[in-house]
PDB file of N, CA and C in Angstrom:
ATOM      1  N   UNK A   1      68.620  54.130  83.414  1.00  0.00           N
ATOM      2  CA  UNK A   1      69.253  54.352  84.934  1.00  0.00           C
ATOM      3  C   UNK A   1      68.004  54.910  85.553  1.00  0.00           C
ATOM      4  N   UNK A   2      67.528  54.389  86.684  1.00  0.00           N
ATOM      5  CA  UNK A   2      66.336  54.869  87.638  1.00  0.00           C
ATOM      6  C   UNK A   2      66.557  56.504  88.113  1.00  0.00           C
ATOM      7  N   UNK A   3      65.450  57.098  88.024  1.00  0.00           N
ATOM      8  CA  UNK A   3      65.575  58.535  88.295  1.00  0.00           C
ATOM      9  C   UNK A   3      66.151  58.891  89.746  1.00  0.00           C
ATOM     10  N   UNK A   4      66.032  57.878  90.682  1.00  0.00           N
ATOM     11  CA  UNK A   4      66.665  57.998  92.049  1.00  0.00           C
ATOM     12  C   UNK A   4      68.268  58.158  92.039  1.00  0.00           C
ATOM     13  N   UNK A   5      68.786  57.302  91.124  1.00  0.00           N
ATOM     14  CA  UNK A   5      70.164  57.402  90.965  1.00  0.00           C
ATOM     15  C   UNK A   5      70.586  58.438  90.181  1.00  0.00           C
ATOM     16  N   UNK A   6      69.839  58.897  89.054  1.00  0.00           N
ATOM     17  CA  UNK A   6      70.168  60.104  88.630  1.00  0.00           C
ATOM     18  C   UNK A   6      70.487  61.423  89.559  1.00  0.00           C
ATOM     19  N   UNK A   7      69.422  61.485  90.102  1.00  0.00           N
ATOM     20  CA  UNK A   7      69.494  62.271  91.300  1.00  0.00           C
ATOM     21  C   UNK A   7      70.461  62.445  92.164  1.00  0.00           C
ATOM     22  N   UNK A   8      70.907  61.242  92.708  1.00  0.00           N
ATOM     23  CA  UNK A   8      72.071  60.967  93.601  1.00  0.00           C
ATOM     24  C   UNK A   8      73.469  61.401  92.955  1.00  0.00           C
ATOM     25  N   UNK A   9      73.449  61.049  91.673  1.00  0.00           N
ATOM     26  CA  UNK A   9      74.637  61.451  90.984  1.00  0.00           C
ATOM     27  C   UNK A   9      74.634  62.921  90.639  1.00  0.00           C
ATOM     28  N   UNK A  10      73.472  63.489  90.710  1.00  0.00           N
ATOM     29  CA  UNK A  10      73.610  65.058  90.618  1.00  0.00           C
ATOM     30  C   UNK A  10      74.136  65.601  91.689  1.00  0.00           C
ATOM     31  N   UNK A  11      73.793  65.088  92.958  1.00  0.00           N
ATOM     32  CA  UNK A  11      74.548  65.674  94.179  1.00  0.00           C
ATOM     33  C   UNK A  11      75.803  65.298  94.187  1.00  0.00           C
ATOM     34  N   UNK A  12      76.330  64.322  93.602  1.00  0.00           N
ATOM     35  CA  UNK A  12      77.911  63.942  93.463  1.00  0.00           C
ATOM     36  C   UNK A  12      78.417  64.961  92.494  1.00  0.00           C
ATOM     37  N   UNK A  13      77.823  65.285  91.387  1.00  0.00           N
ATOM     38  CA  UNK A  13      78.104  66.262  90.311  1.00  0.00           C
ATOM     39  C   UNK A  13      78.532  67.440  91.088  1.00  0.00           C
ATOM     40  N   UNK A  14      77.650  67.880  92.030  1.00  0.00           N
ATOM     41  CA  UNK A  14      77.606  69.350  92.762  1.00  0.00           C
ATOM     42  C   UNK A  14      79.016  69.448  93.559  1.00  0.00           C
ATOM     43  N   UNK A  15      79.732  68.045  93.691  1.00  0.00           N
ATOM     44  CA  UNK A  15      80.860  68.293  94.516  1.00  0.00           C
ATOM     45  C   UNK A  15      81.973  68.626  93.673  1.00  0.00           C
ATOM     46  N   UNK A  16      83.084  68.820  94.324  1.00  0.00           N
ATOM     47  CA  UNK A  16      84.443  69.349  93.382  1.00  0.00           C
ATOM     48  C   UNK A  16      85.046  68.071  92.797  1.00  0.00           C
ATOM     49  N   UNK A  17      84.343  67.929  91.582  1.00  0.00           N
ATOM     50  CA  UNK A  17      84.807  66.608  90.879  1.00  0.00           C
ATOM     51  C   UNK A  17      85.966  66.726  90.042  1.00  0.00           C
ATOM     52  N   UNK A  18      86.688  67.899  90.143  1.00  0.00           N
ATOM     53  CA  UNK A  18      87.923  68.116  89.331  1.00  0.00           C
ATOM     54  C   UNK A  18      89.260  67.556  90.064  1.00  0.00           C
ATOM     55  N   UNK A  19      89.059  67.005  91.248  1.00  0.00           N
ATOM     56  CA  UNK A  19      90.288  66.729  92.056  1.00  0.00           C
ATOM     57  C   UNK A  19      90.361  65.101  92.048  1.00  0.00           C
ATOM     58  N   UNK A  20      91.556  64.805  92.351  1.00  0.00           N
ATOM     59  CA  UNK A  20      91.749  63.036  92.161  1.00  0.00           C
ATOM     60  C   UNK A  20      90.948  62.394  93.299  1.00  0.00           C
ATOM     61  N   UNK A  21      90.617  62.923  94.333  1.00  0.00           N
ATOM     62  CA  UNK A  21      89.958  62.393  95.412  1.00  0.00           C
ATOM     63  C   UNK A  21      88.994  63.408  96.255  1.00  0.00           C
ATOM     64  N   UNK A  22      87.645  62.778  96.635  1.00  0.00           N
ATOM     65  CA  UNK A  22      86.851  63.782  97.169  1.00  0.00           C
ATOM     66  C   UNK A  22      87.339  64.097  98.700  1.00  0.00           C
ATOM     67  N   UNK A  23      86.824  65.421  99.111  1.00  0.00           N
ATOM     68  CA  UNK A  23      87.186  65.825 100.453  1.00  0.00           C
ATOM     69  C   UNK A  23      86.433  64.861 101.329  1.00  0.00           C
ATOM     70  N   UNK A  24      86.885  64.825 102.684  1.00  0.00           N
ATOM     71  CA  UNK A  24      86.241  64.029 103.758  1.00  0.00           C
ATOM     72  C   UNK A  24      84.911  64.044 103.516  1.00  0.00           C
ATOM     73  N   UNK A  25      84.321  65.519 103.564  1.00  0.00           N
ATOM     74  CA  UNK A  25      82.740  65.667 103.741  1.00  0.00           C
ATOM     75  C   UNK A  25      82.058  65.102 102.673  1.00  0.00           C
ATOM     76  N   UNK A  26      82.605  65.308 101.295  1.00  0.00           N
ATOM     77  CA  UNK A  26      82.036  64.504  99.990  1.00  0.00           C
ATOM     78  C   UNK A  26      82.226  63.172 100.088  1.00  0.00           C
ATOM     79  N   UNK A  27      83.179  62.683 100.682  1.00  0.00           N
ATOM     80  CA  UNK A  27      83.342  61.168 100.659  1.00  0.00           C
ATOM     81  C   UNK A  27      82.064  60.599 101.682  1.00  0.00           C
ATOM     82  N   UNK A  28      81.996  61.114 102.861  1.00  0.00           N
ATOM     83  CA  UNK A  28      80.864  60.725 103.854  1.00  0.00           C
ATOM     84  C   UNK A  28      79.502  61.014 103.043  1.00  0.00           C
ATOM     85  N   UNK A  29      79.427  62.013 102.476  1.00  0.00           N
ATOM     86  CA  UNK A  29      78.083  62.171 101.619  1.00  0.00           C
ATOM     87  C   UNK A  29      77.674  61.077 100.645  1.00  0.00           C
ATOM     88  N   UNK A  30      78.724  60.758  99.640  1.00  0.00           N
ATOM     89  CA  UNK A  30      78.644  59.828  98.754  1.00  0.00           C
ATOM     90  C   UNK A  30      78.449  58.321  99.125  1.00  0.00           C
ATOM     91  N   UNK A  31      79.233  58.077 100.392  1.00  0.00           N
ATOM     92  CA  UNK A  31      79.205  56.594 100.736  1.00  0.00           C
ATOM     93  C   UNK A  31      77.716  56.637 101.429  1.00  0.00           C
ATOM     94  N   UNK A  32      77.250  57.538 102.020  1.00  0.00           N
ATOM     95  CA  UNK A  32      75.960  57.800 102.770  1.00  0.00           C
ATOM     96  C   UNK A  32      74.807  57.569 101.765  1.00  0.00           C
ATOM     97  N   UNK A  33      75.091  58.092 100.715  1.00  0.00           N
ATOM     98  CA  UNK A  33      74.036  58.221  99.620  1.00  0.00           C
ATOM     99  C   UNK A  33      73.979  56.654  99.003  1.00  0.00           C
ATOM    100  N   UNK A  34      75.190  56.273  98.574  1.00  0.00           N
ATOM    101  CA  UNK A  34      75.217  55.026  98.054  1.00  0.00           C
ATOM    102  C   UNK A  34      74.374  53.581  99.079  1.00  0.00           C
ATOM    103  N   UNK A  35      74.930  53.990 100.281  1.00  0.00           N
ATOM    104  CA  UNK A  35      74.398  52.993 101.398  1.00  0.00           C
ATOM    105  C   UNK A  35      72.729  53.144 101.318  1.00  0.00           C
ATOM    106  N   UNK A  36      72.206  54.258 101.354  1.00  0.00           N
ATOM    107  CA  UNK A  36      70.881  54.582 101.281  1.00  0.00           C
ATOM    108  C   UNK A  36      70.058  54.148 100.220  1.00  0.00           C
ATOM    109  N   UNK A  37      70.786  54.418  99.043  1.00  0.00           N
ATOM    110  CA  UNK A  37      70.036  53.723  97.788  1.00  0.00           C
ATOM    111  C   UNK A  37      70.051  52.313  97.762  1.00  0.00           C
ATOM    112  N   UNK A  38      70.960  51.602  98.366  1.00  0.00           N
ATOM    113  CA  UNK A  38      70.682  50.173  98.383  1.00  0.00           C
ATOM    114  C   UNK A  38      69.854  49.838  99.438  1.00  0.00           C
ATOM    115  N   UNK A  39      69.572  50.802 100.677  1.00  0.00           N
ATOM    116  CA  UNK A  39      68.568  50.255 101.394  1.00  0.00           C
ATOM    117  C   UNK A  39      67.232  50.654 100.846  1.00  0.00           C
ATOM    118  N   UNK A  40      67.046  51.486  99.833  1.00  0.00           N
ATOM    119  CA  UNK A  40      65.789  51.784  99.319  1.00  0.00           C
ATOM    120  C   UNK A  40      65.702  50.566  98.120  1.00  0.00           C
ATOM    121  N   UNK A  41      66.695  49.669  97.769  1.00  0.00           N
ATOM    122  CA  UNK A  41      66.423  48.683  96.900  1.00  0.00           C
ATOM    123  C   UNK A  41      66.838  49.162  95.444  1.00  0.00           C
ATOM    124  N   UNK A  42      67.627  50.232  95.332  1.00  0.00           N
ATOM    125  CA  UNK A  42      67.900  50.548  93.939  1.00  0.00           C
ATOM    126  C   UNK A  42      69.335  51.010  94.162  1.00  0.00           C
ATOM    127  N   UNK A  43      70.396  49.956  94.352  1.00  0.00           N
ATOM    128  CA  UNK A  43      71.863  50.387  94.346  1.00  0.00           C
ATOM    129  C   UNK A  43      72.331  51.139  93.403  1.00  0.00           C
ATOM    130  N   UNK A  44      73.344  51.774  93.534  1.00  0.00           N
ATOM    131  CA  UNK A  44      74.103  52.434  92.249  1.00  0.00           C
ATOM    132  C   UNK A  44      75.094  51.526  91.773  1.00  0.00           C
ATOM    133  N   UNK A  45      75.427  51.414  90.680  1.00  0.00           N
ATOM    134  CA  UNK A  45      76.632  50.771  90.130  1.00  0.00           C
ATOM    135  C   UNK A  45      77.635  51.509  89.882  1.00  0.00           C
ATOM    136  N   UNK A  46      78.882  50.877  89.771  1.00  0.00           N
ATOM    137  CA  UNK A  46      80.209  51.410  89.354  1.00  0.00           C
ATOM    138  C   UNK A  46      79.683  51.993  87.952  1.00  0.00           C
ATOM    139  N   UNK A  47      79.115  51.219  87.168  1.00  0.00           N
ATOM    140  CA  UNK A  47      78.845  51.485  85.655  1.00  0.00           C
ATOM    141  C   UNK A  47      78.108  52.894  85.655  1.00  0.00           C
ATOM    142  N   UNK A  48      77.011  53.208  86.472  1.00  0.00           N
ATOM    143  CA  UNK A  48      76.340  54.431  86.508  1.00  0.00           C
ATOM    144  C   UNK A  48      77.295  55.470  86.981  1.00  0.00           C
ATOM    145  N   UNK A  49      78.146  55.295  87.869  1.00  0.00           N
ATOM    146  CA  UNK A  49      79.070  56.242  88.362  1.00  0.00           C
ATOM    147  C   UNK A  49      79.969  56.770  87.270  1.00  0.00           C
ATOM    148  N   UNK A  50      80.512  55.601  86.548  1.00  0.00           N
ATOM    149  CA  UNK A  50      81.405  55.900  85.558  1.00  0.00           C
ATOM    150  C   UNK A  50      80.893  56.463  84.318  1.00  0.00           C
ATOM    151  N   UNK A  51      79.791  56.361  84.095  1.00  0.00           N
ATOM    152  CA  UNK A  51      79.057  56.683  82.963  1.00  0.00           C
ATOM    153  C   UNK A  51      78.785  58.434  82.949  1.00  0.00           C
ATOM    154  N   UNK A  52      78.258  58.574  84.335  1.00  0.00           N
ATOM    155  CA  UNK A  52      78.059  60.124  84.475  1.00  0.00           C
ATOM    156  C   UNK A  52      79.386  60.825  84.713  1.00  0.00           C
ATOM    157  N   UNK A  53      80.381  60.220  85.400  1.00  0.00           N
ATOM    158  CA  UNK A  53      81.815  60.984  85.399  1.00  0.00           C
ATOM    159  C   UNK A  53      82.323  61.251  83.959  1.00  0.00           C
ATOM    160  N   UNK A  54      82.361  60.314  83.104  1.00  0.00           N
ATOM    161  CA  UNK A  54      82.791  60.364  81.704  1.00  0.00           C
ATOM    162  C   UNK A  54      82.015  61.501  80.983  1.00  0.00           C
ATOM    163  N   UNK A  55      80.553  61.525  81.030  1.00  0.00           N
ATOM    164  CA  UNK A  55      79.790  62.569  80.498  1.00  0.00           C
ATOM    165  C   UNK A  55      79.800  63.644  80.827  1.00  0.00           C
ATOM    166  N   UNK A  56      80.201  64.045  82.267  1.00  0.00           N
ATOM    167  CA  UNK A  56      80.496  65.361  82.871  1.00  0.00           C
ATOM    168  C   UNK A  56      81.724  65.666  83.095  1.00  0.00           C
ATOM    169  N   UNK A  57      82.862  64.998  82.572  1.00  0.00           N
ATOM    170  CA  UNK A  57      84.053  65.312  82.694  1.00  0.00           C
ATOM    171  C   UNK A  57      84.800  65.414  84.174  1.00  0.00           C
ATOM    172  N   UNK A  58      84.172  64.529  84.906  1.00  0.00           N
ATOM    173  CA  UNK A  58      85.031  64.442  86.164  1.00  0.00           C
ATOM    174  C   UNK A  58      86.332  63.830  86.118  1.00  0.00           C
ATOM    175  N   UNK A  59      87.017  64.172  87.153  1.00  0.00           N
ATOM    176  CA  UNK A  59      88.488  63.766  87.252  1.00  0.00           C
ATOM    177  C   UNK A  59      88.404  62.344  87.207  1.00  0.00           C
ATOM    178  N   UNK A  60      89.509  61.789  86.373  1.00  0.00           N
ATOM    179  CA  UNK A  60      89.320  60.154  86.529  1.00  0.00           C
ATOM    180  C   UNK A  60      89.501  59.412  87.578  1.00  0.00           C
ATOM    181  N   UNK A  61      90.470  59.781  88.332  1.00  0.00           N
ATOM    182  CA  UNK A  61      90.709  59.264  89.839  1.00  0.00           C
ATOM    183  C   UNK A  61      89.588  59.474  90.714  1.00  0.00           C
ATOM    184  N   UNK A  62      89.002  60.581  90.680  1.00  0.00           N
ATOM    185  CA  UNK A  62      87.935  60.802  91.568  1.00  0.00           C
ATOM    186  C   UNK A  62      86.635  59.956  91.148  1.00  0.00           C
ATOM    187  N   UNK A  63      86.472  59.722  89.904  1.00  0.00           N
ATOM    188  CA  UNK A  63      85.397  58.816  89.219  1.00  0.00           C
ATOM    189  C   UNK A  63      85.674  57.359  89.875  1.00  0.00           C
ATOM    190  N   UNK A  64      87.081  57.092  89.608  1.00  0.00           N
ATOM    191  CA  UNK A  64      87.384  55.509  89.816  1.00  0.00           C
ATOM    192  C   UNK A  64      87.159  55.376  91.643  1.00  0.00           C
ATOM    193  N   UNK A  65      87.480  56.426  92.277  1.00  0.00           N
ATOM    194  CA  UNK A  65      87.275  56.195  93.912  1.00  0.00           C
ATOM    195  C   UNK A  65      85.799  56.179  94.086  1.00  0.00           C
ATOM    196  N   UNK A  66      84.952  57.025  93.488  1.00  0.00           N
ATOM    197  CA  UNK A  66      83.381  56.951  93.874  1.00  0.00           C
ATOM    198  C   UNK A  66      82.659  55.808  93.174  1.00  0.00           C
ATOM    199  N   UNK A  67      83.042  55.339  92.140  1.00  0.00           N
ATOM    200  CA  UNK A  67      82.673  54.105  91.447  1.00  0.00           C
ATOM    201  C   UNK A  67      83.239  52.920  92.478  1.00  0.00           C
ATOM    202  N   UNK A  68      84.354  52.893  93.016  1.00  0.00           N
ATOM    203  CA  UNK A  68      84.874  51.911  93.997  1.00  0.00           C
ATOM    204  C   UNK A  68      83.763  51.770  95.188  1.00  0.00           C
ATOM    205  N   UNK A  69      83.287  52.769  95.727  1.00  0.00           N
ATOM    206  CA  UNK A  69      82.541  52.992  96.853  1.00  0.00           C
ATOM    207  C   UNK A  69      81.310  52.324  96.290  1.00  0.00           C
ATOM    208  N   UNK A  70      80.815  52.716  95.265  1.00  0.00           N
ATOM    209  CA  UNK A  70      79.454  52.240  94.674  1.00  0.00           C
ATOM    210  C   UNK A  70      79.577  50.625  94.529  1.00  0.00           C
ATOM    211  N   UNK A  71      80.592  50.212  93.992  1.00  0.00           N
ATOM    212  CA  UNK A  71      81.012  48.588  94.049  1.00  0.00           C
ATOM    213  C   UNK A  71      80.767  47.917  95.286  1.00  0.00           C
ATOM    214  N   UNK A  72      81.472  48.673  96.003  1.00  0.00           N
ATOM    215  CA  UNK A  72      81.597  47.857  97.615  1.00  0.00           C
ATOM    216  C   UNK A  72      80.367  47.805  98.231  1.00  0.00           C
ATOM    217  N   UNK A  73      79.551  49.057  98.319  1.00  0.00           N
ATOM    218  CA  UNK A  73      78.435  48.836  99.062  1.00  0.00           C
ATOM    219  C   UNK A  73      77.189  48.155  98.103  1.00  0.00           C
ATOM    220  N   UNK A  74      77.327  48.356  96.985  1.00  0.00           N
ATOM    221  CA  UNK A  74      76.288  47.317  96.219  1.00  0.00           C
ATOM    222  C   UNK A  74      76.557  45.783  96.466  1.00  0.00           C
ATOM    223  N   UNK A  75      77.873  45.493  96.706  1.00  0.00           N
ATOM    224  CA  UNK A  75      78.168  43.863  97.204  1.00  0.00           C
ATOM    225  C   UNK A  75      78.292  43.645  98.664  1.00  0.00           C
ATOM    226  N   UNK A  76      77.800  44.508  99.385  1.00  0.00           N
ATOM    227  CA  UNK A  76      77.752  44.610 100.654  1.00  0.00           C
ATOM    228  C   UNK A  76      79.118  44.455 101.726  1.00  0.00           C
ATOM    229  N   UNK A  77      80.264  44.868 100.715  1.00  0.00           N
ATOM    230  CA  UNK A  77      81.459  45.007 101.482  1.00  0.00           C
ATOM    231  C   UNK A  77      81.298  45.992 102.614  1.00  0.00           C
ATOM    232  N   UNK A  78      82.148  46.032 103.575  1.00  0.00           N
ATOM    233  CA  UNK A  78      82.297  47.022 104.660  1.00  0.00           C
ATOM    234  C   UNK A  78      82.912  48.254 104.473  1.00  0.00           C
ATOM    235  N   UNK A  79      82.042  49.487 104.418  1.00  0.00           N
ATOM    236  CA  UNK A  79      82.525  50.600 104.167  1.00  0.00           C
ATOM    237  C   UNK A  79      82.243  51.609 105.243  1.00  0.00           C
ATOM    238  N   UNK A  80      83.372  52.383 105.620  1.00  0.00           N
ATOM    239  CA  UNK A  80      83.504  53.230 106.852  1.00  0.00           C
ATOM    240  C   UNK A  80      83.060  54.578 106.543  1.00  0.00           C
ATOM    241  N   UNK A  81      81.756  55.161 107.252  1.00  0.00           N
ATOM    242  CA  UNK A  81      81.391  56.335 106.859  1.00  0.00           C
ATOM    243  C   UNK A  81      81.768  57.279 107.878  1.00  0.00           C
ATOM    244  N   UNK A  82      82.570  58.086 108.015  1.00  0.00           N
ATOM    245  CA  UNK A  82      83.355  58.831 109.187  1.00  0.00           C
ATOM    246  C   UNK A  82      82.398  59.874 109.678  1.00  0.00           C
ATOM    247  N   UNK A  83      81.646  60.612 108.554  1.00  0.00           N
ATOM    248  CA  UNK A  83      80.721  61.615 109.120  1.00  0.00           C
ATOM    249  C   UNK A  83      79.331  61.326 108.375  1.00  0.00           C
ATOM    250  N   UNK A  84      78.528  60.468 109.065  1.00  0.00           N
ATOM    251  CA  UNK A  84      77.169  60.338 108.156  1.00  0.00           C
ATOM    252  C   UNK A  84      76.375  61.370 108.130  1.00  0.00           C
ATOM    253  N   UNK A  85      76.431  62.310 109.135  1.00  0.00           N
ATOM    254  CA  UNK A  85      75.594  63.497 109.094  1.00  0.00           C
ATOM    255  C   UNK A  85      75.759  64.456 107.866  1.00  0.00           C
ATOM    256  N   UNK A  86      76.860  64.262 107.153  1.00  0.00           N
ATOM    257  CA  UNK A  86      76.879  65.118 105.955  1.00  0.00           C
ATOM    258  C   UNK A  86      75.917  64.565 104.897  1.00  0.00           C
ATOM    259  N   UNK A  87      75.354  63.446 104.818  1.00  0.00           N
ATOM    260  CA  UNK A  87      74.264  62.911 103.906  1.00  0.00           C
ATOM    261  C   UNK A  87      72.911  63.437 104.700  1.00  0.00           C
ATOM    262  N   UNK A  88      72.443  64.385 104.346  1.00  0.00           N
ATOM    263  CA  UNK A  88      71.209  65.079 105.132  1.00  0.00           C
ATOM    264  C   UNK A  88      70.040  64.399 105.082  1.00  0.00           C
ATOM    265  N   UNK A  89      69.229  64.681 105.863  1.00  0.00           N
ATOM    266  CA  UNK A  89      67.662  64.384 106.052  1.00  0.00           C
ATOM    267  C   UNK A  89      67.112  65.069 104.558  1.00  0.00           C
ATOM    268  N   UNK A  90      67.429  65.984 104.302  1.00  0.00           N
ATOM    269  CA  UNK A  90      66.899  66.718 103.136  1.00  0.00           C
ATOM    270  C   UNK A  90      67.141  65.852 101.844  1.00  0.00           C
ATOM    271  N   UNK A  91      68.297  65.392 101.663  1.00  0.00           N
ATOM    272  CA  UNK A  91      68.840  64.726 100.758  1.00  0.00           C
ATOM    273  C   UNK A  91      67.934  63.345 100.619  1.00  0.00           C
ATOM    274  N   UNK A  92      67.979  62.856 101.992  1.00  0.00           N
ATOM    275  CA  UNK A  92      67.150  61.251 101.937  1.00  0.00           C
ATOM    276  C   UNK A  92      65.682  61.716 101.663  1.00  0.00           C
ATOM    277  N   UNK A  93      65.289  62.642 101.851  1.00  0.00           N
ATOM    278  CA  UNK A  93      63.702  62.854 101.506  1.00  0.00           C
ATOM    279  C   UNK A  93      63.587  63.061  99.805  1.00  0.00           C
ATOM    280  N   UNK A  94      64.472  63.857  99.419  1.00  0.00           N
ATOM    281  CA  UNK A  94      64.610  64.227  97.946  1.00  0.00           C
ATOM    282  C   UNK A  94      64.642  62.747  97.257  1.00  0.00           C
ATOM    283  N   UNK A  95      65.786  61.775  97.808  1.00  0.00           N
ATOM    284  CA  UNK A  95      65.779  60.467  96.995  1.00  0.00           C
ATOM    285  C   UNK A  95      64.630  59.505  97.136  1.00  0.00           C
ATOM    286  N   UNK A  96      63.888  59.845  98.300  1.00  0.00           N
ATOM    287  CA  UNK A  96      63.148  58.496  98.813  1.00  0.00           C
ATOM    288  C   UNK A  96      61.676  59.040  97.950  1.00  0.00           C
ATOM    289  N   UNK A  97      61.418  60.287  97.710  1.00  0.00           N
ATOM    290  CA  UNK A  97      60.408  60.620  96.838  1.00  0.00           C
ATOM    291  C   UNK A  97      60.454  60.016  95.378  1.00  0.00           C
ATOM    292  N   UNK A  98      61.760  59.724  95.040  1.00  0.00           N
ATOM    293  CA  UNK A  98      61.828  59.393  93.529  1.00  0.00           C
ATOM    294  C   UNK A  98      61.596  57.691  93.497  1.00  0.00           C
ATOM    295  N   UNK A  99      61.650  57.034  94.467  1.00  0.00           N
ATOM    296  CA  UNK A  99      61.402  55.514  94.336  1.00  0.00           C
ATOM    297  C   UNK A  99      60.031  55.196  94.195  1.00  0.00           C
TER     298      UNK A  99
END
């Protein structure tokens, strides 16, 4: 797995992964991150998310939901990001530096 995807999954792992669904702020952050990774040419896959979720003991439903967003964005399906500002410029800089 590319280092940039690993770092993005670190950000997701810092969220409350013990709940069945991410909070709205976390949802916007994850979707923004996946979109940004795709724009950088290194899209995250559902397999990447599922492997990390399994390794770190994330809630199964949380993992499925986040993996579903990764799949949608990777395949260019429409995804609504309600609060794009939650995926910060700092996070973008950190990820871009790893590409």
